[in-house]
PDB file of all heavy atoms in Angstrom:
ATOM      1  N   PRO A   1     260.174 109.156   3.369  1.00  0.00           N
ATOM      2  CA  PRO A   1     259.216 109.399   4.458  1.00  0.00           C
ATOM      3  C   PRO A   1     258.932 110.871   4.710  1.00  0.00           C
ATOM      4  O   PRO A   1     257.862 111.209   5.231  1.00  0.00           O
ATOM      5  CB  PRO A   1     259.898 108.743   5.669  1.00  0.00           C
ATOM      6  CG  PRO A   1     260.778 107.691   5.077  1.00  0.00           C
ATOM      7  CD  PRO A   1     261.277 108.275   3.786  1.00  0.00           C
ATOM      8  N   ASP A   2     259.887 111.756   4.337  1.00  0.00           N
ATOM      9  CA  ASP A   2     259.676 113.185   4.566  1.00  0.00           C
ATOM     10  C   ASP A   2     259.293 113.929   3.288  1.00  0.00           C
ATOM     11  O   ASP A   2     259.415 115.161   3.217  1.00  0.00           O
ATOM     12  CB  ASP A   2     260.908 113.819   5.215  1.00  0.00           C
ATOM     13  CG  ASP A   2     262.232 113.306   4.671  1.00  0.00           C
ATOM     14  OD1 ASP A   2     262.264 112.199   4.112  1.00  0.00           O
ATOM     15  OD2 ASP A   2     263.255 114.014   4.807  1.00  0.00           O
ATOM     16  N   HIS A   3     258.813 113.213   2.284  1.00  0.00           N
ATOM     17  CA  HIS A   3     258.282 113.842   1.075  1.00  0.00           C
ATOM     18  C   HIS A   3     257.030 114.645   1.449  1.00  0.00           C
ATOM     19  O   HIS A   3     256.221 114.203   2.279  1.00  0.00           O
ATOM     20  CB  HIS A   3     257.934 112.756   0.051  1.00  0.00           C
ATOM     21  CG  HIS A   3     257.642 113.255  -1.327  1.00  0.00           C
ATOM     22  ND1 HIS A   3     256.557 114.062  -1.631  1.00  0.00           N
ATOM     23  CD2 HIS A   3     258.288 113.052  -2.520  1.00  0.00           C
ATOM     24  CE1 HIS A   3     256.540 114.331  -2.934  1.00  0.00           C
ATOM     25  NE2 HIS A   3     257.584 113.726  -3.491  1.00  0.00           N
ATOM     26  N   PRO A   4     256.821 115.818   0.862  1.00  0.00           N
ATOM     27  CA  PRO A   4     255.628 116.616   1.192  1.00  0.00           C
ATOM     28  C   PRO A   4     254.315 115.874   0.994  1.00  0.00           C
ATOM     29  O   PRO A   4     253.333 116.144   1.698  1.00  0.00           O
ATOM     30  CB  PRO A   4     255.739 117.813   0.238  1.00  0.00           C
ATOM     31  CG  PRO A   4     257.199 117.961  -0.024  1.00  0.00           C
ATOM     32  CD  PRO A   4     257.742 116.555  -0.024  1.00  0.00           C
ATOM     33  N   TYR A   5     254.257 114.935   0.050  1.00  0.00           N
ATOM     34  CA  TYR A   5     253.017 114.192  -0.181  1.00  0.00           C
ATOM     35  C   TYR A   5     252.567 113.443   1.073  1.00  0.00           C
ATOM     36  O   TYR A   5     251.363 113.232   1.280  1.00  0.00           O
ATOM     37  CB  TYR A   5     253.203 113.157  -1.301  1.00  0.00           C
ATOM     38  CG  TYR A   5     253.251 113.705  -2.707  1.00  0.00           C
ATOM     39  CD1 TYR A   5     253.782 112.927  -3.742  1.00  0.00           C
ATOM     40  CD2 TYR A   5     252.776 114.975  -3.025  1.00  0.00           C
ATOM     41  CE1 TYR A   5     253.831 113.398  -5.054  1.00  0.00           C
ATOM     42  CE2 TYR A   5     252.830 115.459  -4.324  1.00  0.00           C
ATOM     43  CZ  TYR A   5     253.357 114.665  -5.340  1.00  0.00           C
ATOM     44  OH  TYR A   5     253.411 115.127  -6.618  1.00  0.00           O
ATOM     45  N   VAL A   6     253.518 112.998   1.902  1.00  0.00           N
ATOM     46  CA  VAL A   6     253.169 112.151   3.045  1.00  0.00           C
ATOM     47  C   VAL A   6     252.294 112.916   4.036  1.00  0.00           C
ATOM     48  O   VAL A   6     251.356 112.354   4.616  1.00  0.00           O
ATOM     49  CB  VAL A   6     254.441 111.610   3.736  1.00  0.00           C
ATOM     50  CG1 VAL A   6     254.070 110.736   4.933  1.00  0.00           C
ATOM     51  CG2 VAL A   6     255.277 110.807   2.742  1.00  0.00           C
ATOM     52  N   THR A   7     252.564 114.182   4.227  1.00  0.00           N
ATOM     53  CA  THR A   7     251.739 114.995   5.133  1.00  0.00           C
ATOM     54  C   THR A   7     250.557 115.634   4.412  1.00  0.00           C
ATOM     55  O   THR A   7     249.493 115.806   4.995  1.00  0.00           O
ATOM     56  CB  THR A   7     252.590 116.091   5.793  1.00  0.00           C
ATOM     57  OG1 THR A   7     253.263 116.859   4.774  1.00  0.00           O
ATOM     58  CG2 THR A   7     253.622 115.477   6.721  1.00  0.00           C
ATOM     59  N   GLU A   8     250.739 115.962   3.138  1.00  0.00           N
ATOM     60  CA  GLU A   8     249.658 116.621   2.386  1.00  0.00           C
ATOM     61  C   GLU A   8     248.593 115.630   1.923  1.00  0.00           C
ATOM     62  O   GLU A   8     247.415 115.975   1.824  1.00  0.00           O
ATOM     63  CB  GLU A   8     250.247 117.339   1.174  1.00  0.00           C
ATOM     64  CG  GLU A   8     251.167 118.499   1.535  1.00  0.00           C
ATOM     65  CD  GLU A   8     251.908 119.043   0.311  1.00  0.00           C
ATOM     66  OE1 GLU A   8     251.667 118.534  -0.814  1.00  0.00           O
ATOM     67  OE2 GLU A   8     252.724 119.977   0.478  1.00  0.00           O
ATOM     68  N   HIS A   9     249.002 114.399   1.640  1.00  0.00           N
ATOM     69  CA  HIS A   9     248.069 113.380   1.139  1.00  0.00           C
ATOM     70  C   HIS A   9     248.358 112.042   1.825  1.00  0.00           C
ATOM     71  O   HIS A   9     248.766 111.071   1.181  1.00  0.00           O
ATOM     72  CB  HIS A   9     248.208 113.222  -0.375  1.00  0.00           C
ATOM     73  CG  HIS A   9     247.963 114.474  -1.153  1.00  0.00           C
ATOM     74  ND1 HIS A   9     246.696 114.941  -1.430  1.00  0.00           N
ATOM     75  CD2 HIS A   9     248.838 115.368  -1.707  1.00  0.00           C
ATOM     76  CE1 HIS A   9     246.789 116.063  -2.136  1.00  0.00           C
ATOM     77  NE2 HIS A   9     248.076 116.341  -2.303  1.00  0.00           N
ATOM     78  N   PRO A  10     248.137 111.953   3.125  1.00  0.00           N
ATOM     79  CA  PRO A  10     248.473 110.708   3.837  1.00  0.00           C
ATOM     80  C   PRO A  10     247.708 109.488   3.315  1.00  0.00           C
ATOM     81  O   PRO A  10     248.184 108.359   3.436  1.00  0.00           O
ATOM     82  CB  PRO A  10     248.098 111.018   5.286  1.00  0.00           C
ATOM     83  CG  PRO A  10     247.132 112.160   5.201  1.00  0.00           C
ATOM     84  CD  PRO A  10     247.552 112.961   4.019  1.00  0.00           C
ATOM     85  N   ASP A  11     246.525 109.736   2.708  1.00  0.00           N
ATOM     86  CA  ASP A  11     245.744 108.607   2.210  1.00  0.00           C
ATOM     87  C   ASP A  11     246.308 108.038   0.910  1.00  0.00           C
ATOM     88  O   ASP A  11     245.782 107.056   0.382  1.00  0.00           O
ATOM     89  CB  ASP A  11     244.279 109.015   2.006  1.00  0.00           C
ATOM     90  CG  ASP A  11     244.111 110.309   1.237  1.00  0.00           C
ATOM     91  OD1 ASP A  11     245.090 111.076   1.142  1.00  0.00           O
ATOM     92  OD2 ASP A  11     242.999 110.559   0.725  1.00  0.00           O
ATOM     93  N   TRP A  12     247.379 108.621   0.398  1.00  0.00           N
ATOM     94  CA  TRP A  12     248.045 108.057  -0.781  1.00  0.00           C
ATOM     95  C   TRP A  12     249.062 106.981  -0.386  1.00  0.00           C
ATOM     96  O   TRP A  12     249.736 106.424  -1.240  1.00  0.00           O
ATOM     97  CB  TRP A  12     248.759 109.153  -1.575  1.00  0.00           C
ATOM     98  CG  TRP A  12     247.812 110.083  -2.288  1.00  0.00           C
ATOM     99  CD1 TRP A  12     246.453 110.035  -2.307  1.00  0.00           C
ATOM    100  CD2 TRP A  12     248.180 111.208  -3.082  1.00  0.00           C
ATOM    101  NE1 TRP A  12     245.934 111.048  -3.057  1.00  0.00           N
ATOM    102  CE2 TRP A  12     246.967 111.796  -3.554  1.00  0.00           C
ATOM    103  CE3 TRP A  12     249.391 111.793  -3.441  1.00  0.00           C
ATOM    104  CZ2 TRP A  12     246.950 112.934  -4.370  1.00  0.00           C
ATOM    105  CZ3 TRP A  12     249.384 112.921  -4.251  1.00  0.00           C
ATOM    106  CH2 TRP A  12     248.175 113.480  -4.713  1.00  0.00           C
ATOM    107  N   PHE A  13     249.158 106.699   0.911  1.00  0.00           N
ATOM    108  CA  PHE A  13     250.133 105.730   1.405  1.00  0.00           C
ATOM    109  C   PHE A  13     249.436 104.717   2.307  1.00  0.00           C
ATOM    110  O   PHE A  13     248.308 104.918   2.751  1.00  0.00           O
ATOM    111  CB  PHE A  13     251.261 106.449   2.159  1.00  0.00           C
ATOM    112  CG  PHE A  13     251.958 107.488   1.324  1.00  0.00           C
ATOM    113  CD1 PHE A  13     251.497 108.802   1.293  1.00  0.00           C
ATOM    114  CD2 PHE A  13     253.040 107.146   0.524  1.00  0.00           C
ATOM    115  CE1 PHE A  13     252.124 109.753   0.497  1.00  0.00           C
ATOM    116  CE2 PHE A  13     253.662 108.090  -0.273  1.00  0.00           C
ATOM    117  CZ  PHE A  13     253.201 109.397  -0.292  1.00  0.00           C
ATOM    118  N   THR A  14     250.113 103.617   2.576  1.00  0.00           N
ATOM    119  CA  THR A  14     249.551 102.560   3.412  1.00  0.00           C
ATOM    120  C   THR A  14     250.088 102.712   4.833  1.00  0.00           C
ATOM    121  O   THR A  14     251.316 102.772   5.037  1.00  0.00           O
ATOM    122  CB  THR A  14     249.927 101.177   2.857  1.00  0.00           C
ATOM    123  OG1 THR A  14     249.400 101.047   1.528  1.00  0.00           O
ATOM    124  CG2 THR A  14     249.361 100.071   3.733  1.00  0.00           C
ATOM    125  N   TRP A  15     249.165 102.742   5.782  1.00  0.00           N
ATOM    126  CA  TRP A  15     249.547 102.910   7.186  1.00  0.00           C
ATOM    127  C   TRP A  15     249.286 101.607   7.930  1.00  0.00           C
ATOM    128  O   TRP A  15     248.238 100.995   7.810  1.00  0.00           O
ATOM    129  CB  TRP A  15     248.770 104.069   7.813  1.00  0.00           C
ATOM    130  CG  TRP A  15     249.108 105.373   7.138  1.00  0.00           C
ATOM    131  CD1 TRP A  15     248.537 105.883   6.010  1.00  0.00           C
ATOM    132  CD2 TRP A  15     250.125 106.272   7.518  1.00  0.00           C
ATOM    133  NE1 TRP A  15     249.136 107.066   5.653  1.00  0.00           N
ATOM    134  CE2 TRP A  15     250.121 107.343   6.571  1.00  0.00           C
ATOM    135  CE3 TRP A  15     251.062 106.311   8.559  1.00  0.00           C
ATOM    136  CZ2 TRP A  15     251.004 108.413   6.639  1.00  0.00           C
ATOM    137  CZ3 TRP A  15     251.940 107.394   8.638  1.00  0.00           C
ATOM    138  CH2 TRP A  15     251.907 108.426   7.677  1.00  0.00           C
ATOM    139  N   ARG A  16     250.281 101.210   8.719  1.00  0.00           N
ATOM    140  CA  ARG A  16     250.210  99.946   9.429  1.00  0.00           C
ATOM    141  C   ARG A  16     249.452 100.109  10.751  1.00  0.00           C
ATOM    142  O   ARG A  16     249.249 101.235  11.229  1.00  0.00           O
ATOM    143  CB  ARG A  16     251.620  99.415   9.667  1.00  0.00           C
ATOM    144  CG  ARG A  16     252.356  99.148   8.359  1.00  0.00           C
ATOM    145  CD  ARG A  16     253.746  98.593   8.554  1.00  0.00           C
ATOM    146  NE  ARG A  16     254.683  99.553   9.142  1.00  0.00           N
ATOM    147  CZ  ARG A  16     256.007  99.405   9.126  1.00  0.00           C
ATOM    148  NH1 ARG A  16     256.550  98.328   8.564  1.00  0.00           N
ATOM    149  NH2 ARG A  16     256.786 100.306   9.688  1.00  0.00           N
ATOM    150  N   PRO A  17     249.017  98.990  11.367  1.00  0.00           N
ATOM    151  CA  PRO A  17     248.231  99.077  12.605  1.00  0.00           C
ATOM    152  C   PRO A  17     248.920  99.836  13.723  1.00  0.00           C
ATOM    153  O   PRO A  17     248.246 100.395  14.598  1.00  0.00           O
ATOM    154  CB  PRO A  17     248.018  97.601  12.985  1.00  0.00           C
ATOM    155  CG  PRO A  17     248.072  96.871  11.679  1.00  0.00           C
ATOM    156  CD  PRO A  17     249.093  97.600  10.864  1.00  0.00           C
ATOM    157  N   ASP A  18     250.249  99.869  13.738  1.00  0.00           N
ATOM    158  CA  ASP A  18     250.953 100.569  14.820  1.00  0.00           C
ATOM    159  C   ASP A  18     251.110 102.058  14.542  1.00  0.00           C
ATOM    160  O   ASP A  18     251.800 102.766  15.286  1.00  0.00           O
ATOM    161  CB  ASP A  18     252.325  99.935  15.071  1.00  0.00           C
ATOM    162  CG  ASP A  18     253.246 100.039  13.858  1.00  0.00           C
ATOM    163  OD1 ASP A  18     252.810 100.565  12.811  1.00  0.00           O
ATOM    164  OD2 ASP A  18     254.412  99.598  13.966  1.00  0.00           O
ATOM    165  N   GLY A  19     250.477 102.538  13.451  1.00  0.00           N
ATOM    166  CA  GLY A  19     250.520 103.964  13.147  1.00  0.00           C
ATOM    167  C   GLY A  19     251.683 104.397  12.292  1.00  0.00           C
ATOM    168  O   GLY A  19     251.806 105.580  11.967  1.00  0.00           O
ATOM    169  N   THR A  20     252.544 103.453  11.927  1.00  0.00           N
ATOM    170  CA  THR A  20     253.682 103.799  11.065  1.00  0.00           C
ATOM    171  C   THR A  20     253.307 103.553   9.602  1.00  0.00           C
ATOM    172  O   THR A  20     252.408 102.764   9.289  1.00  0.00           O
ATOM    173  CB  THR A  20     254.920 102.963  11.422  1.00  0.00           C
ATOM    174  OG1 THR A  20     254.614 101.571  11.243  1.00  0.00           O
ATOM    175  CG2 THR A  20     255.347 103.229  12.857  1.00  0.00           C
ATOM    176  N   VAL A  21     254.011 104.228   8.730  1.00  0.00           N
ATOM    177  CA  VAL A  21     253.735 104.105   7.303  1.00  0.00           C
ATOM    178  C   VAL A  21     254.521 102.924   6.737  1.00  0.00           C
ATOM    179  O   VAL A  21     255.640 102.634   7.178  1.00  0.00           O
ATOM    180  CB  VAL A  21     254.086 105.411   6.569  1.00  0.00           C
ATOM    181  CG1 VAL A  21     255.575 105.696   6.617  1.00  0.00           C
ATOM    182  CG2 VAL A  21     253.576 105.406   5.130  1.00  0.00           C
ATOM    183  N   GLN A  22     253.931 102.230   5.783  1.00  0.00           N
ATOM    184  CA  GLN A  22     254.559 101.053   5.181  1.00  0.00           C
ATOM    185  C   GLN A  22     255.641 101.479   4.191  1.00  0.00           C
ATOM    186  O   GLN A  22     255.362 102.165   3.218  1.00  0.00           O
ATOM    187  CB  GLN A  22     253.509 100.217   4.452  1.00  0.00           C
ATOM    188  CG  GLN A  22     254.062  99.008   3.727  1.00  0.00           C
ATOM    189  CD  GLN A  22     254.615  97.963   4.676  1.00  0.00           C
ATOM    190  OE1 GLN A  22     253.898  97.471   5.540  1.00  0.00           O
ATOM    191  NE2 GLN A  22     255.888  97.646   4.526  1.00  0.00           N
ATOM    192  N   TYR A  23     256.876 101.080   4.458  1.00  0.00           N
ATOM    193  CA  TYR A  23     257.940 101.365   3.490  1.00  0.00           C
ATOM    194  C   TYR A  23     258.035 100.219   2.491  1.00  0.00           C
ATOM    195  O   TYR A  23     257.370  99.191   2.620  1.00  0.00           O
ATOM    196  CB  TYR A  23     259.278 101.614   4.190  1.00  0.00           C
ATOM    197  CG  TYR A  23     259.758 100.528   5.116  1.00  0.00           C
ATOM    198  CD1 TYR A  23     260.296  99.342   4.633  1.00  0.00           C
ATOM    199  CD2 TYR A  23     259.701 100.699   6.509  1.00  0.00           C
ATOM    200  CE1 TYR A  23     260.747  98.358   5.489  1.00  0.00           C
ATOM    201  CE2 TYR A  23     260.154  99.709   7.374  1.00  0.00           C
ATOM    202  CZ  TYR A  23     260.674  98.541   6.865  1.00  0.00           C
ATOM    203  OH  TYR A  23     261.115  97.558   7.708  1.00  0.00           O
ATOM    204  N   ALA A  24     258.841 100.413   1.456  1.00  0.00           N
ATOM    205  CA  ALA A  24     258.925  99.437   0.367  1.00  0.00           C
ATOM    206  C   ALA A  24     259.670  98.196   0.822  1.00  0.00           C
ATOM    207  O   ALA A  24     260.674  98.276   1.533  1.00  0.00           O
ATOM    208  CB  ALA A  24     259.621 100.060  -0.840  1.00  0.00           C
ATOM    209  N   GLU A  25     259.167  97.048   0.379  1.00  0.00           N
ATOM    210  CA  GLU A  25     259.803  95.776   0.682  1.00  0.00           C
ATOM    211  C   GLU A  25     259.716  94.855  -0.529  1.00  0.00           C
ATOM    212  O   GLU A  25     258.761  94.908  -1.303  1.00  0.00           O
ATOM    213  CB  GLU A  25     259.121  95.087   1.868  1.00  0.00           C
ATOM    214  CG  GLU A  25     259.350  95.731   3.206  1.00  0.00           C
ATOM    215  CD  GLU A  25     258.747  94.914   4.332  1.00  0.00           C
ATOM    216  OE1 GLU A  25     257.515  94.703   4.322  1.00  0.00           O
ATOM    217  OE2 GLU A  25     259.494  94.474   5.208  1.00  0.00           O
TER     218      GLU A  25
END
């Protein structure tokens, strides 16, 4: 979650309706 990509390229990840990022499941 604290990888630089998450802040530099947020659109490379899936964001849930509550504003949190989707972790692996």
